[in-house]
């Protein structure tokens, strides 16, 4: 079985950074909008192996806007320790599969 993202992981969907909020819902980091997602309609195009946001920013070509960084939720600890959001895992990047 392929590895699967988990709650609060960051993923990129068709070029937009999002955070997993349930098994079928993501929250886009740029604007906070929620969207249901059918994972069977997507394919992984890049695996980030669960690297932390901070690691990805400093050691790859990944870019996050200030708004996207501010909208990362790091769990209840994130309120007391705002830098925790930079330690959230980035699972990978996906795009919609072509329609048959």
Protein backbone atom coordinates (compact mmCIF):
# COMPACT_ATOMS: atom_id res chain seq x y z
CA UNK A 1 0.00 0.00 0.00
CA UNK A 2 1.26 3.48 -0.86
CA UNK A 3 2.10 5.85 1.98
CA UNK A 4 -0.74 8.21 2.77
CA UNK A 5 -0.82 11.75 4.04
CA UNK A 6 -2.18 12.27 7.55
CA UNK A 7 -4.15 14.93 9.36
CA UNK A 8 -2.46 18.37 9.22
CA UNK A 9 0.02 17.35 6.52
CA UNK A 10 0.63 19.95 3.82
CA UNK A 11 0.04 18.95 0.19
CA UNK A 12 0.10 20.82 -3.08
CA UNK A 13 -2.97 20.29 -5.27
CA UNK A 14 -2.77 21.51 -8.85
CA UNK A 15 -0.29 24.19 -7.81
CA UNK A 16 -2.08 25.32 -4.61
CA UNK A 17 -0.78 24.57 -1.11
CA UNK A 18 -3.38 23.00 1.17
CA UNK A 19 -3.56 21.33 4.57
CA UNK A 20 -5.33 18.06 5.26
CA UNK A 21 -8.23 18.66 7.67
CA UNK A 22 -9.98 15.29 7.25
CA UNK A 23 -9.78 12.23 5.01
CA UNK A 24 -11.94 14.00 2.40
CA UNK A 25 -11.37 17.69 3.06
CA UNK A 26 -8.50 20.16 2.58
CA UNK A 27 -8.08 23.80 3.53
CA UNK A 28 -6.23 25.92 0.97
CA UNK A 29 -3.56 27.95 2.69
CA UNK A 30 -3.74 31.04 0.46
CA UNK A 31 -7.33 31.92 1.32
CA UNK A 32 -8.49 29.44 3.98
CA UNK A 33 -11.18 27.97 1.74
CA UNK A 34 -12.30 24.41 2.42
CA UNK A 35 -12.86 21.87 -0.32
CA UNK A 36 -13.95 18.25 -0.44
CA UNK A 37 -11.50 16.10 -2.34
CA UNK A 38 -11.72 12.72 -4.02
CA UNK A 39 -8.16 11.39 -3.76
CA UNK A 40 -8.87 8.78 -6.43
CA UNK A 41 -9.01 11.62 -8.98
CA UNK A 42 -5.46 12.78 -8.14
CA UNK A 43 -2.00 11.39 -8.76
CA UNK A 44 1.15 12.21 -6.85
CA UNK A 45 3.71 14.02 -8.97
CA UNK A 46 6.27 14.82 -6.27
CA UNK A 47 6.95 13.17 -2.92
CA UNK A 48 8.39 15.44 -0.22
CA UNK A 49 8.78 12.51 2.21
CA UNK A 50 7.22 14.38 5.13
CA UNK A 51 9.89 17.08 5.25
CA UNK A 52 9.12 20.01 7.52
CA UNK A 53 7.91 23.20 5.85
CA UNK A 54 11.06 24.99 7.03
CA UNK A 55 13.35 22.32 5.58
CA UNK A 56 11.51 22.34 2.28
CA UNK A 57 11.73 26.14 2.00
CA UNK A 58 15.47 26.18 2.65
CA UNK A 59 16.49 23.09 0.66
CA UNK A 60 14.25 23.05 -2.40
CA UNK A 61 12.54 25.33 -4.87
CA UNK A 62 9.26 25.22 -2.90
CA UNK A 63 7.75 28.64 -2.27
CA UNK A 64 5.10 29.64 0.26
CA UNK A 65 3.55 33.11 0.45
CA UNK A 66 3.36 34.89 3.80
CA UNK A 67 -0.41 34.28 3.83
CA UNK A 68 0.12 30.56 3.22
CA UNK A 69 2.66 30.34 6.04
CA UNK A 70 0.37 32.24 8.41
CA UNK A 71 -2.54 29.89 7.64
CA UNK A 72 -0.70 26.67 8.51
CA UNK A 73 -2.32 25.11 11.57
CA UNK A 74 0.13 23.34 13.89
CA UNK A 75 -2.35 21.95 16.38
CA UNK A 76 -3.08 23.39 19.83
CA UNK A 77 0.65 23.82 20.53
CA UNK A 78 0.85 26.26 17.64
CA UNK A 79 -0.83 28.99 19.67
CA UNK A 80 1.83 28.91 22.37
CA UNK A 81 4.68 28.24 19.92
CA UNK A 82 3.96 29.97 16.59
CA UNK A 83 7.13 28.62 14.97
CA UNK A 84 5.70 25.08 15.21
CA UNK A 85 3.89 25.75 11.94
CA UNK A 86 7.27 25.60 10.20
CA UNK A 87 7.68 22.04 11.49
CA UNK A 88 4.45 20.71 9.94
CA UNK A 89 5.11 17.90 7.44
CA UNK A 90 4.81 18.43 3.70
CA UNK A 91 3.66 15.15 2.19
CA UNK A 92 3.75 15.77 -1.54
CA UNK A 93 2.35 17.39 -4.65
CA UNK A 94 -0.63 16.14 -6.64
CA UNK A 95 -2.42 16.91 -9.85
CA UNK A 96 -5.76 15.80 -11.17
CA UNK A 97 -5.58 12.71 -13.31
CA UNK A 98 -6.50 13.25 -16.95
CA UNK A 99 -10.05 12.26 -17.77
CA UNK A 100 -10.33 9.07 -19.80
